[in-house]
Amino acid sequence: MTDYLRLPAFGKGERVQVVIETPRGARAKIKYEDGNFRYSRPLALGLAYPFDWGFIPSTCGEDGDPLDALVIHDAASPPGTIIPSRLIGVLEVEQTENGETKRNDRFIVRPDPVEYPLPDFPELSAREKSELEQFFTASVLHTGKTLRFLGWKDAAAATASLRQGVREIPAKDGWRGLFGAIFRTQKEGQNIPKRNQQQ
């Protein structure tokens, strides 16, 4: 069975690999957990995912989960599809839950298959960015979470941010436990534990 969390973040030609959890048009969130793609929760009435939604493997956000990615294209890909992609930008977000605020950025990509490279993709318009912010706000209704948008950054800034989030996940350790240790040591000014120190 494929362990999607431990796939490399970058594939051929430095393309970002995105594992799809929830396909475009879905009215419920699907989450990869314990080796399976599981039903997580319904969205609010009338709301659906505008594009494929997933995560970038071998990465970690401040919330302890892999970094999120939205794939801008017209298709609806089933859960478990791996899409080689190019970064368009990133929406920097602060998420508050149970009185605790953490960064929970959204990376925006477009497909870039190795065999059939696509032409340059234009940047998102101001209207598209605004509509995506509205979707993200509505997507957390009734979850107890609130979002604060810090702004949009370009592809270069998104790439730098993504590389900071890339982590190697030891085969014998739980990924959440490792990510928690990473951020505890970062905050305490200690060294990030190496793989051979974890085994």
N, C-alpha and C. Protein backbone atom coordinates (compact mmCIF):
# COMPACT_ATOMS: atom_id res chain seq x y z
N MET A 1 0.84 -1.20 0.00
CA MET A 1 0.00 0.00 0.00
C MET A 1 0.88 1.26 0.00
N THR A 2 0.55 2.21 -0.83
CA THR A 2 1.31 3.45 -0.91
C THR A 2 1.13 4.28 0.35
N ASP A 3 2.23 4.74 0.91
CA ASP A 3 2.18 5.67 2.03
C ASP A 3 2.34 7.06 1.44
N TYR A 4 1.23 7.72 1.20
CA TYR A 4 1.26 9.01 0.50
C TYR A 4 2.01 10.08 1.28
N LEU A 5 2.03 9.99 2.60
CA LEU A 5 2.70 11.01 3.40
C LEU A 5 4.20 11.03 3.16
N ARG A 6 4.77 9.88 2.80
CA ARG A 6 6.22 9.77 2.66
C ARG A 6 6.71 9.87 1.22
N LEU A 7 5.84 10.15 0.29
CA LEU A 7 6.29 10.43 -1.06
C LEU A 7 7.13 11.70 -1.05
N PRO A 8 8.04 11.86 -1.99
CA PRO A 8 8.83 13.10 -2.03
C PRO A 8 7.96 14.29 -2.39
N ALA A 9 8.29 15.43 -1.83
CA ALA A 9 7.54 16.65 -2.12
C ALA A 9 7.74 17.10 -3.56
N PHE A 10 8.94 16.83 -4.09
CA PHE A 10 9.26 17.24 -5.46
C PHE A 10 9.53 16.01 -6.32
N GLY A 11 9.01 16.04 -7.54
CA GLY A 11 9.21 14.95 -8.48
C GLY A 11 10.14 15.36 -9.60
N LYS A 12 9.94 14.76 -10.77
CA LYS A 12 10.79 15.05 -11.93
C LYS A 12 10.72 16.53 -12.29
N GLY A 13 11.88 17.08 -12.62
CA GLY A 13 11.90 18.48 -13.04
C GLY A 13 11.49 19.44 -11.95
N GLU A 14 11.67 19.02 -10.70
CA GLU A 14 11.32 19.88 -9.56
C GLU A 14 9.84 20.23 -9.51
N ARG A 15 9.02 19.39 -10.12
CA ARG A 15 7.58 19.62 -10.03
C ARG A 15 7.09 19.24 -8.62
N VAL A 16 6.19 20.04 -8.10
CA VAL A 16 5.61 19.77 -6.79
C VAL A 16 4.59 18.64 -6.92
N GLN A 17 4.68 17.66 -6.05
CA GLN A 17 3.73 16.55 -6.08
C GLN A 17 2.57 16.85 -5.11
N VAL A 18 1.37 16.79 -5.63
CA VAL A 18 0.18 17.03 -4.81
C VAL A 18 -0.66 15.76 -4.78
N VAL A 19 -0.97 15.29 -3.59
CA VAL A 19 -1.84 14.13 -3.41
C VAL A 19 -3.27 14.64 -3.21
N ILE A 20 -4.16 14.25 -4.09
CA ILE A 20 -5.53 14.74 -4.00
C ILE A 20 -6.30 13.98 -2.91
N GLU A 21 -6.95 14.74 -2.06
CA GLU A 21 -7.84 14.17 -1.05
C GLU A 21 -9.30 14.37 -1.46
N THR A 22 -9.64 15.59 -1.80
CA THR A 22 -11.03 15.94 -2.12
C THR A 22 -11.12 16.46 -3.55
N PRO A 23 -11.91 15.83 -4.42
CA PRO A 23 -11.98 16.27 -5.81
C PRO A 23 -12.84 17.51 -6.00
N ARG A 24 -12.57 18.17 -7.07
CA ARG A 24 -13.38 19.31 -7.48
C ARG A 24 -14.85 18.90 -7.53
N GLY A 25 -15.74 19.77 -7.02
CA GLY A 25 -17.16 19.51 -7.05
C GLY A 25 -17.69 18.75 -5.85
N ALA A 26 -16.79 18.22 -5.01
CA ALA A 26 -17.23 17.47 -3.84
C ALA A 26 -17.89 18.39 -2.82
N ARG A 27 -18.94 17.89 -2.16
CA ARG A 27 -19.65 18.68 -1.16
C ARG A 27 -19.35 18.21 0.25
N ALA A 28 -18.34 17.35 0.36
CA ALA A 28 -17.84 16.91 1.66
C ALA A 28 -16.33 16.86 1.60
N LYS A 29 -15.70 17.08 2.74
CA LYS A 29 -14.25 17.02 2.81
C LYS A 29 -13.79 15.59 3.03
N ILE A 30 -12.79 15.18 2.26
CA ILE A 30 -12.18 13.86 2.41
C ILE A 30 -10.76 14.08 2.90
N LYS A 31 -10.32 13.28 3.85
CA LYS A 31 -9.02 13.46 4.46
C LYS A 31 -8.24 12.15 4.46
N TYR A 32 -6.96 12.22 4.13
CA TYR A 32 -6.08 11.05 4.19
C TYR A 32 -5.63 10.85 5.63
N GLU A 33 -5.96 9.69 6.19
CA GLU A 33 -5.70 9.45 7.61
C GLU A 33 -5.55 7.94 7.83
N ASP A 34 -4.51 7.57 8.56
CA ASP A 34 -4.27 6.15 8.88
C ASP A 34 -4.22 5.27 7.63
N GLY A 35 -3.65 5.81 6.56
CA GLY A 35 -3.47 5.03 5.34
C GLY A 35 -4.69 4.92 4.45
N ASN A 36 -5.77 5.65 4.79
CA ASN A 36 -7.00 5.60 4.00
C ASN A 36 -7.53 7.00 3.75
N PHE A 37 -8.32 7.11 2.69
CA PHE A 37 -9.01 8.36 2.41
C PHE A 37 -10.39 8.27 3.03
N ARG A 38 -10.62 9.07 4.06
CA ARG A 38 -11.82 8.95 4.88
C ARG A 38 -12.71 10.19 4.76
N TYR A 39 -14.00 9.93 4.83
CA TYR A 39 -14.97 11.02 4.92
C TYR A 39 -14.70 11.81 6.20
N SER A 40 -14.54 13.13 6.05
CA SER A 40 -14.24 13.96 7.22
C SER A 40 -15.48 14.70 7.71
N ARG A 41 -16.08 15.50 6.84
CA ARG A 41 -17.27 16.27 7.24
C ARG A 41 -17.92 16.87 6.01
N PRO A 42 -19.20 17.19 6.10
CA PRO A 42 -19.86 17.88 4.98
C PRO A 42 -19.51 19.36 4.99
N LEU A 43 -19.60 19.98 3.83
CA LEU A 43 -19.47 21.43 3.76
C LEU A 43 -20.83 22.06 4.04
N ALA A 44 -20.85 23.36 4.19
CA ALA A 44 -22.10 24.08 4.41
C ALA A 44 -23.02 23.92 3.20
N LEU A 45 -24.31 24.11 3.40
CA LEU A 45 -25.29 23.95 2.33
C LEU A 45 -24.92 24.80 1.11
N GLY A 46 -24.97 24.17 -0.06
CA GLY A 46 -24.70 24.87 -1.30
C GLY A 46 -23.23 25.05 -1.64
N LEU A 47 -22.33 24.60 -0.77
CA LEU A 47 -20.89 24.81 -0.98
C LEU A 47 -20.25 23.55 -1.55
N ALA A 48 -19.33 23.74 -2.49
CA ALA A 48 -18.58 22.62 -3.07
C ALA A 48 -17.16 23.09 -3.36
N TYR A 49 -16.26 22.14 -3.40
CA TYR A 49 -14.86 22.49 -3.69
C TYR A 49 -14.75 22.99 -5.13
N PRO A 50 -14.16 24.18 -5.35
CA PRO A 50 -14.07 24.73 -6.71
C PRO A 50 -13.00 24.05 -7.55
N PHE A 51 -12.00 23.46 -6.90
CA PHE A 51 -10.91 22.77 -7.58
C PHE A 51 -10.47 21.59 -6.71
N ASP A 52 -9.63 20.73 -7.28
CA ASP A 52 -9.08 19.62 -6.51
C ASP A 52 -8.30 20.14 -5.31
N TRP A 53 -8.44 19.45 -4.18
CA TRP A 53 -7.81 19.86 -2.92
C TRP A 53 -7.01 18.69 -2.37
N GLY A 54 -5.81 18.98 -1.87
CA GLY A 54 -5.00 17.91 -1.32
C GLY A 54 -3.84 18.43 -0.51
N PHE A 55 -2.77 17.63 -0.46
CA PHE A 55 -1.62 18.01 0.35
C PHE A 55 -0.33 17.69 -0.39
N ILE A 56 0.75 18.31 0.07
CA ILE A 56 2.08 18.08 -0.49
C ILE A 56 2.80 17.14 0.46
N PRO A 57 3.17 15.94 0.01
CA PRO A 57 3.77 14.96 0.92
C PRO A 57 5.15 15.38 1.41
N SER A 58 5.56 14.76 2.52
CA SER A 58 6.87 15.03 3.14
C SER A 58 7.03 16.50 3.51
N THR A 59 5.91 17.14 3.87
CA THR A 59 5.96 18.52 4.35
C THR A 59 5.21 18.62 5.67
N CYS A 60 5.41 19.72 6.34
CA CYS A 60 4.73 19.94 7.62
C CYS A 60 4.43 21.42 7.80
N GLY A 61 3.18 21.73 8.12
CA GLY A 61 2.80 23.08 8.46
C GLY A 61 2.84 23.28 9.97
N GLU A 62 2.63 24.49 10.40
CA GLU A 62 2.68 24.81 11.82
C GLU A 62 1.60 24.09 12.60
N ASP A 63 0.52 23.70 11.91
CA ASP A 63 -0.56 22.98 12.59
C ASP A 63 -0.27 21.49 12.75
N GLY A 64 0.90 21.04 12.26
CA GLY A 64 1.26 19.63 12.38
C GLY A 64 0.79 18.76 11.25
N ASP A 65 0.08 19.32 10.27
CA ASP A 65 -0.39 18.57 9.11
C ASP A 65 0.48 18.88 7.91
N PRO A 66 0.43 18.02 6.88
CA PRO A 66 1.12 18.36 5.63
C PRO A 66 0.57 19.66 5.05
N LEU A 67 1.38 20.35 4.26
CA LEU A 67 0.96 21.61 3.66
C LEU A 67 -0.17 21.37 2.66
N ASP A 68 -1.17 22.25 2.69
CA ASP A 68 -2.34 22.14 1.83
C ASP A 68 -2.07 22.71 0.44
N ALA A 69 -2.75 22.16 -0.55
CA ALA A 69 -2.61 22.65 -1.92
C ALA A 69 -3.94 22.59 -2.65
N LEU A 70 -4.20 23.62 -3.44
CA LEU A 70 -5.38 23.68 -4.31
C LEU A 70 -4.88 23.65 -5.74
N VAL A 71 -5.39 22.70 -6.54
CA VAL A 71 -4.91 22.50 -7.91
C VAL A 71 -5.89 23.16 -8.88
N ILE A 72 -5.43 24.20 -9.57
CA ILE A 72 -6.29 24.97 -10.46
C ILE A 72 -6.34 24.29 -11.84
N HIS A 73 -7.42 23.56 -12.09
CA HIS A 73 -7.66 22.99 -13.42
C HIS A 73 -9.12 22.58 -13.50
N ASP A 74 -9.54 22.13 -14.69
CA ASP A 74 -10.96 21.87 -14.93
C ASP A 74 -11.39 20.46 -14.56
N ALA A 75 -10.44 19.58 -14.28
CA ALA A 75 -10.78 18.18 -14.01
C ALA A 75 -11.16 17.96 -12.55
N ALA A 76 -11.78 16.82 -12.29
CA ALA A 76 -12.06 16.37 -10.93
C ALA A 76 -11.33 15.04 -10.75
N SER A 77 -10.29 15.04 -9.93
CA SER A 77 -9.43 13.86 -9.78
C SER A 77 -9.83 13.06 -8.55
N PRO A 78 -9.86 11.74 -8.64
CA PRO A 78 -10.26 10.93 -7.49
C PRO A 78 -9.21 10.99 -6.37
N PRO A 79 -9.63 10.74 -5.13
CA PRO A 79 -8.68 10.72 -4.01
C PRO A 79 -7.55 9.74 -4.29
N GLY A 80 -6.32 10.15 -3.97
CA GLY A 80 -5.16 9.32 -4.19
C GLY A 80 -4.43 9.63 -5.48
N THR A 81 -5.00 10.47 -6.34
CA THR A 81 -4.31 10.89 -7.55
C THR A 81 -3.12 11.78 -7.17
N ILE A 82 -1.99 11.54 -7.80
CA ILE A 82 -0.80 12.36 -7.57
C ILE A 82 -0.61 13.25 -8.79
N ILE A 83 -0.67 14.55 -8.59
CA ILE A 83 -0.60 15.49 -9.71
C ILE A 83 0.72 16.25 -9.66
N PRO A 84 1.61 16.06 -10.66
CA PRO A 84 2.82 16.88 -10.74
C PRO A 84 2.42 18.31 -11.10
N SER A 85 2.93 19.26 -10.37
CA SER A 85 2.39 20.62 -10.48
C SER A 85 3.47 21.68 -10.41
N ARG A 86 3.10 22.88 -10.82
CA ARG A 86 3.92 24.07 -10.67
C ARG A 86 3.20 25.03 -9.74
N LEU A 87 3.96 25.67 -8.88
CA LEU A 87 3.37 26.64 -7.96
C LEU A 87 2.96 27.91 -8.70
N ILE A 88 1.79 28.42 -8.36
CA ILE A 88 1.33 29.73 -8.84
C ILE A 88 1.58 30.78 -7.76
N GLY A 89 1.33 30.40 -6.52
CA GLY A 89 1.49 31.33 -5.40
C GLY A 89 1.03 30.67 -4.12
N VAL A 90 0.88 31.47 -3.09
CA VAL A 90 0.43 30.96 -1.80
C VAL A 90 -0.41 32.03 -1.11
N LEU A 91 -1.50 31.59 -0.50
CA LEU A 91 -2.31 32.47 0.33
C LEU A 91 -1.91 32.21 1.78
N GLU A 92 -1.32 33.21 2.41
CA GLU A 92 -0.88 33.06 3.80
C GLU A 92 -2.08 33.26 4.73
N VAL A 93 -2.27 32.31 5.65
CA VAL A 93 -3.46 32.28 6.47
C VAL A 93 -3.10 32.00 7.92
N GLU A 94 -3.79 32.67 8.84
CA GLU A 94 -3.75 32.31 10.25
C GLU A 94 -5.08 31.66 10.60
N GLN A 95 -5.01 30.50 11.23
CA GLN A 95 -6.22 29.77 11.63
C GLN A 95 -6.28 29.69 13.15
N THR A 96 -7.43 30.04 13.70
CA THR A 96 -7.62 30.00 15.15
C THR A 96 -8.65 28.95 15.49
N GLU A 97 -8.29 28.09 16.45
CA GLU A 97 -9.17 27.03 16.91
C GLU A 97 -8.90 26.79 18.39
N ASN A 98 -9.97 26.77 19.17
CA ASN A 98 -9.85 26.55 20.63
C ASN A 98 -8.89 27.55 21.27
N GLY A 99 -8.94 28.78 20.78
CA GLY A 99 -8.12 29.84 21.36
C GLY A 99 -6.67 29.83 20.93
N GLU A 100 -6.28 28.92 20.05
CA GLU A 100 -4.89 28.81 19.61
C GLU A 100 -4.79 29.16 18.13
N THR A 101 -3.87 30.06 17.81
CA THR A 101 -3.71 30.53 16.44
C THR A 101 -2.42 29.99 15.83
N LYS A 102 -2.53 29.42 14.63
CA LYS A 102 -1.38 28.87 13.93
C LYS A 102 -1.47 29.22 12.45
N ARG A 103 -0.33 29.23 11.78
CA ARG A 103 -0.33 29.42 10.34
C ARG A 103 -0.87 28.18 9.66
N ASN A 104 -1.67 28.41 8.62
CA ASN A 104 -2.25 27.31 7.85
C ASN A 104 -2.39 27.78 6.40
N ASP A 105 -1.25 27.95 5.75
CA ASP A 105 -1.23 28.52 4.40
C ASP A 105 -1.83 27.58 3.37
N ARG A 106 -2.31 28.18 2.28
CA ARG A 106 -2.85 27.42 1.15
C ARG A 106 -1.96 27.64 -0.07
N PHE A 107 -1.32 26.58 -0.55
CA PHE A 107 -0.49 26.68 -1.73
C PHE A 107 -1.35 26.47 -2.97
N ILE A 108 -1.15 27.32 -3.95
CA ILE A 108 -1.95 27.29 -5.17
C ILE A 108 -1.06 26.80 -6.31
N VAL A 109 -1.49 25.73 -6.99
CA VAL A 109 -0.68 25.13 -8.05
C VAL A 109 -1.54 24.89 -9.28
N ARG A 110 -0.86 24.56 -10.37
CA ARG A 110 -1.57 24.09 -11.56
C ARG A 110 -0.85 22.86 -12.08
N PRO A 111 -1.53 21.92 -12.71
CA PRO A 111 -0.89 20.70 -13.20
C PRO A 111 0.20 21.02 -14.21
N ASP A 112 1.25 20.23 -14.17
CA ASP A 112 2.33 20.36 -15.15
C ASP A 112 2.90 18.97 -15.42
N PRO A 113 2.17 18.13 -16.17
CA PRO A 113 2.61 16.76 -16.41
C PRO A 113 3.95 16.72 -17.13
N VAL A 114 4.79 15.76 -16.75
CA VAL A 114 6.13 15.67 -17.31
C VAL A 114 6.08 15.39 -18.81
N GLU A 115 5.20 14.50 -19.23
CA GLU A 115 5.15 14.09 -20.63
C GLU A 115 4.55 15.16 -21.54
N TYR A 116 3.67 15.99 -20.97
CA TYR A 116 2.98 17.01 -21.78
C TYR A 116 3.03 18.36 -21.07
N PRO A 117 4.20 19.00 -21.06
CA PRO A 117 4.31 20.29 -20.36
C PRO A 117 3.29 21.29 -20.87
N LEU A 118 2.68 22.00 -19.96
CA LEU A 118 1.65 22.97 -20.31
C LEU A 118 2.25 24.36 -20.48
N PRO A 119 1.59 25.21 -21.27
CA PRO A 119 2.09 26.58 -21.41
C PRO A 119 1.99 27.33 -20.08
N ASP A 120 2.66 28.47 -20.04
CA ASP A 120 2.64 29.27 -18.81
C ASP A 120 1.21 29.59 -18.40
N PHE A 121 0.98 29.52 -17.11
CA PHE A 121 -0.35 29.77 -16.56
C PHE A 121 -0.38 31.20 -16.02
N PRO A 122 -1.39 31.98 -16.39
CA PRO A 122 -1.44 33.36 -15.89
C PRO A 122 -1.70 33.41 -14.39
N GLU A 123 -1.26 34.47 -13.75
CA GLU A 123 -1.53 34.64 -12.33
C GLU A 123 -3.03 34.76 -12.09
N LEU A 124 -3.46 34.41 -10.90
CA LEU A 124 -4.86 34.57 -10.55
C LEU A 124 -5.24 36.04 -10.54
N SER A 125 -6.44 36.32 -11.01
CA SER A 125 -6.92 37.71 -11.00
C SER A 125 -7.33 38.10 -9.58
N ALA A 126 -7.53 39.39 -9.37
CA ALA A 126 -7.97 39.88 -8.06
C ALA A 126 -9.32 39.27 -7.70
N ARG A 127 -10.19 39.12 -8.69
CA ARG A 127 -11.51 38.54 -8.43
C ARG A 127 -11.37 37.07 -8.03
N GLU A 128 -10.53 36.31 -8.74
CA GLU A 128 -10.34 34.90 -8.40
C GLU A 128 -9.78 34.74 -6.99
N LYS A 129 -8.84 35.58 -6.63
CA LYS A 129 -8.27 35.52 -5.28
C LYS A 129 -9.34 35.81 -4.23
N SER A 130 -10.17 36.82 -4.49
CA SER A 130 -11.23 37.18 -3.56
C SER A 130 -12.24 36.03 -3.41
N GLU A 131 -12.59 35.40 -4.54
CA GLU A 131 -13.56 34.31 -4.48
C GLU A 131 -12.98 33.09 -3.75
N LEU A 132 -11.70 32.83 -3.91
CA LEU A 132 -11.08 31.73 -3.16
C LEU A 132 -11.06 32.02 -1.67
N GLU A 133 -10.82 33.25 -1.31
CA GLU A 133 -10.87 33.62 0.12
C GLU A 133 -12.27 33.40 0.68
N GLN A 134 -13.29 33.74 -0.11
CA GLN A 134 -14.66 33.52 0.33
C GLN A 134 -14.95 32.04 0.51
N PHE A 135 -14.44 31.22 -0.42
CA PHE A 135 -14.63 29.78 -0.28
C PHE A 135 -13.96 29.25 0.98
N PHE A 136 -12.72 29.62 1.21
CA PHE A 136 -12.00 29.12 2.38
C PHE A 136 -12.70 29.54 3.67
N THR A 137 -13.22 30.75 3.69
CA THR A 137 -13.96 31.21 4.88
C THR A 137 -15.20 30.35 5.10
N ALA A 138 -15.96 30.13 4.02
CA ALA A 138 -17.19 29.34 4.13
C ALA A 138 -16.91 27.88 4.45
N SER A 139 -15.74 27.38 4.02
CA SER A 139 -15.45 25.95 4.19
C SER A 139 -15.24 25.55 5.64
N VAL A 140 -14.99 26.51 6.52
CA VAL A 140 -14.78 26.18 7.93
C VAL A 140 -15.99 26.53 8.80
N LEU A 141 -17.12 26.86 8.17
CA LEU A 141 -18.33 27.13 8.94
C LEU A 141 -18.70 25.91 9.79
N HIS A 142 -19.10 26.15 11.01
CA HIS A 142 -19.56 25.12 11.95
C HIS A 142 -18.43 24.20 12.43
N THR A 143 -17.17 24.60 12.21
CA THR A 143 -16.05 23.78 12.69
C THR A 143 -15.40 24.35 13.94
N GLY A 144 -15.78 25.57 14.31
CA GLY A 144 -15.12 26.24 15.43
C GLY A 144 -13.83 26.93 15.04
N LYS A 145 -13.48 26.90 13.76
CA LYS A 145 -12.26 27.54 13.27
C LYS A 145 -12.58 28.90 12.66
N THR A 146 -11.66 29.82 12.79
CA THR A 146 -11.76 31.11 12.10
C THR A 146 -10.46 31.36 11.36
N LEU A 147 -10.55 32.06 10.23
CA LEU A 147 -9.40 32.33 9.39
C LEU A 147 -9.14 33.82 9.28
N ARG A 148 -7.86 34.17 9.23
CA ARG A 148 -7.46 35.55 8.95
C ARG A 148 -6.45 35.50 7.81
N PHE A 149 -6.76 36.20 6.72
CA PHE A 149 -5.90 36.16 5.54
C PHE A 149 -4.82 37.23 5.66
N LEU A 150 -3.58 36.78 5.51
CA LEU A 150 -2.43 37.68 5.67
C LEU A 150 -1.96 38.25 4.33
N GLY A 151 -2.42 37.64 3.23
CA GLY A 151 -2.05 38.16 1.92
C GLY A 151 -1.58 37.07 0.98
N TRP A 152 -1.47 37.45 -0.28
CA TRP A 152 -1.05 36.54 -1.34
C TRP A 152 0.41 36.80 -1.69
N LYS A 153 1.15 35.71 -1.95
CA LYS A 153 2.54 35.82 -2.38
C LYS A 153 2.71 35.09 -3.71
N ASP A 154 3.75 35.48 -4.45
CA ASP A 154 3.95 34.92 -5.79
C ASP A 154 4.62 33.55 -5.74
N ALA A 155 4.88 33.02 -6.93
CA ALA A 155 5.41 31.66 -7.03
C ALA A 155 6.78 31.52 -6.37
N ALA A 156 7.63 32.54 -6.50
CA ALA A 156 8.97 32.47 -5.90
C ALA A 156 8.87 32.39 -4.37
N ALA A 157 8.02 33.23 -3.79
CA ALA A 157 7.83 33.20 -2.34
C ALA A 157 7.19 31.89 -1.90
N ALA A 158 6.27 31.37 -2.71
CA ALA A 158 5.62 30.10 -2.39
C ALA A 158 6.64 28.96 -2.39
N THR A 159 7.55 28.98 -3.36
CA THR A 159 8.57 27.94 -3.45
C THR A 159 9.48 27.97 -2.22
N ALA A 160 9.89 29.17 -1.82
CA ALA A 160 10.76 29.30 -0.65
C ALA A 160 10.05 28.82 0.60
N SER A 161 8.78 29.16 0.74
CA SER A 161 8.00 28.73 1.91
C SER A 161 7.81 27.22 1.92
N LEU A 162 7.56 26.65 0.74
CA LEU A 162 7.37 25.21 0.64
C LEU A 162 8.65 24.47 1.04
N ARG A 163 9.79 24.93 0.57
CA ARG A 163 11.05 24.26 0.88
C ARG A 163 11.33 24.29 2.38
N GLN A 164 10.88 25.32 3.06
CA GLN A 164 11.05 25.37 4.51
C GLN A 164 10.20 24.32 5.20
N GLY A 165 9.11 23.91 4.54
CA GLY A 165 8.21 22.95 5.15
C GLY A 165 8.50 21.50 4.81
N VAL A 166 9.52 21.26 3.96
CA VAL A 166 9.83 19.89 3.57
C VAL A 166 10.53 19.18 4.72
N ARG A 167 10.06 17.98 5.05
CA ARG A 167 10.61 17.19 6.14
C ARG A 167 10.70 15.73 5.72
N GLU A 168 11.73 15.05 6.19
CA GLU A 168 11.83 13.60 6.00
C GLU A 168 11.07 12.92 7.12
N ILE A 169 10.25 11.94 6.78
CA ILE A 169 9.41 11.27 7.77
C ILE A 169 9.96 9.87 8.03
N PRO A 170 10.50 9.60 9.20
CA PRO A 170 11.03 8.26 9.49
C PRO A 170 9.96 7.19 9.39
N ALA A 171 10.31 6.04 8.86
CA ALA A 171 9.35 4.97 8.63
C ALA A 171 8.77 4.42 9.93
N LYS A 172 9.52 4.48 11.03
CA LYS A 172 9.08 3.84 12.27
C LYS A 172 8.33 4.80 13.20
N ASP A 173 8.24 6.06 12.84
CA ASP A 173 7.64 7.04 13.74
C ASP A 173 6.32 7.55 13.19
N GLY A 174 5.41 7.86 14.06
CA GLY A 174 4.17 8.50 13.64
C GLY A 174 4.46 9.88 13.13
N TRP A 175 3.83 10.25 11.99
CA TRP A 175 4.17 11.54 11.39
C TRP A 175 3.72 12.71 12.23
N ARG A 176 2.60 12.60 12.92
CA ARG A 176 2.17 13.71 13.76
C ARG A 176 3.14 13.91 14.93
N GLY A 177 3.60 12.80 15.51
CA GLY A 177 4.54 12.91 16.61
C GLY A 177 5.84 13.56 16.18
N LEU A 178 6.32 13.19 15.00
CA LEU A 178 7.55 13.79 14.50
C LEU A 178 7.36 15.27 14.25
N PHE A 179 6.25 15.65 13.58
CA PHE A 179 6.05 17.04 13.26
C PHE A 179 5.91 17.89 14.53
N GLY A 180 5.26 17.34 15.54
CA GLY A 180 5.16 18.06 16.80
C GLY A 180 6.52 18.28 17.42
N ALA A 181 7.38 17.28 17.35
CA ALA A 181 8.73 17.41 17.88
C ALA A 181 9.53 18.46 17.11
N ILE A 182 9.33 18.50 15.80
CA ILE A 182 10.04 19.47 14.97
C ILE A 182 9.72 20.89 15.42
N PHE A 183 8.43 21.18 15.60
CA PHE A 183 8.07 22.55 15.94
C PHE A 183 8.38 22.88 17.38
N ARG A 184 8.37 21.89 18.27
CA ARG A 184 8.80 22.17 19.64
C ARG A 184 10.27 22.54 19.68
N THR A 185 11.10 21.81 18.93
CA THR A 185 12.52 22.10 18.95
C THR A 185 12.83 23.41 18.24
N GLN A 186 12.07 23.73 17.18
CA GLN A 186 12.28 25.00 16.49
C GLN A 186 11.99 26.17 17.43
N LYS A 187 10.90 26.08 18.18
CA LYS A 187 10.54 27.16 19.08
C LYS A 187 11.52 27.30 20.23
N GLU A 188 12.15 26.19 20.61
CA GLU A 188 13.09 26.21 21.72
C GLU A 188 14.52 26.49 21.26
N GLY A 189 14.70 26.68 19.93
CA GLY A 189 16.01 26.99 19.41
C GLY A 189 16.95 25.81 19.36
N GLN A 190 16.41 24.59 19.36
CA GLN A 190 17.22 23.39 19.32
C GLN A 190 17.33 22.89 17.90
N ASN A 191 18.17 21.87 17.70
CA ASN A 191 18.32 21.26 16.38
C ASN A 191 17.15 20.36 16.08
N ILE A 192 16.75 20.34 14.83
CA ILE A 192 15.69 19.42 14.40
C ILE A 192 16.24 18.00 14.44
N PRO A 193 15.52 17.06 15.03
CA PRO A 193 16.04 15.70 15.14
C PRO A 193 16.25 15.06 13.78
N LYS A 194 17.38 14.36 13.65
CA LYS A 194 17.68 13.66 12.42
C LYS A 194 17.07 12.27 12.43
N ARG A 195 16.98 11.66 11.23
CA ARG A 195 16.34 10.36 11.14
C ARG A 195 17.06 9.33 12.00
N ASN A 196 18.41 9.29 11.97
CA ASN A 196 19.12 8.28 12.72
C ASN A 196 19.03 8.47 14.22
N GLN A 197 18.64 9.68 14.66
CA GLN A 197 18.46 9.93 16.07
C GLN A 197 17.10 9.45 16.56
N GLN A 198 16.18 9.23 15.61
CA GLN A 198 14.82 8.85 15.97
C GLN A 198 14.68 7.33 16.08
N GLN A 199 15.63 6.59 15.52
CA GLN A 199 15.48 5.15 15.45
C GLN A 199 16.21 4.47 16.60
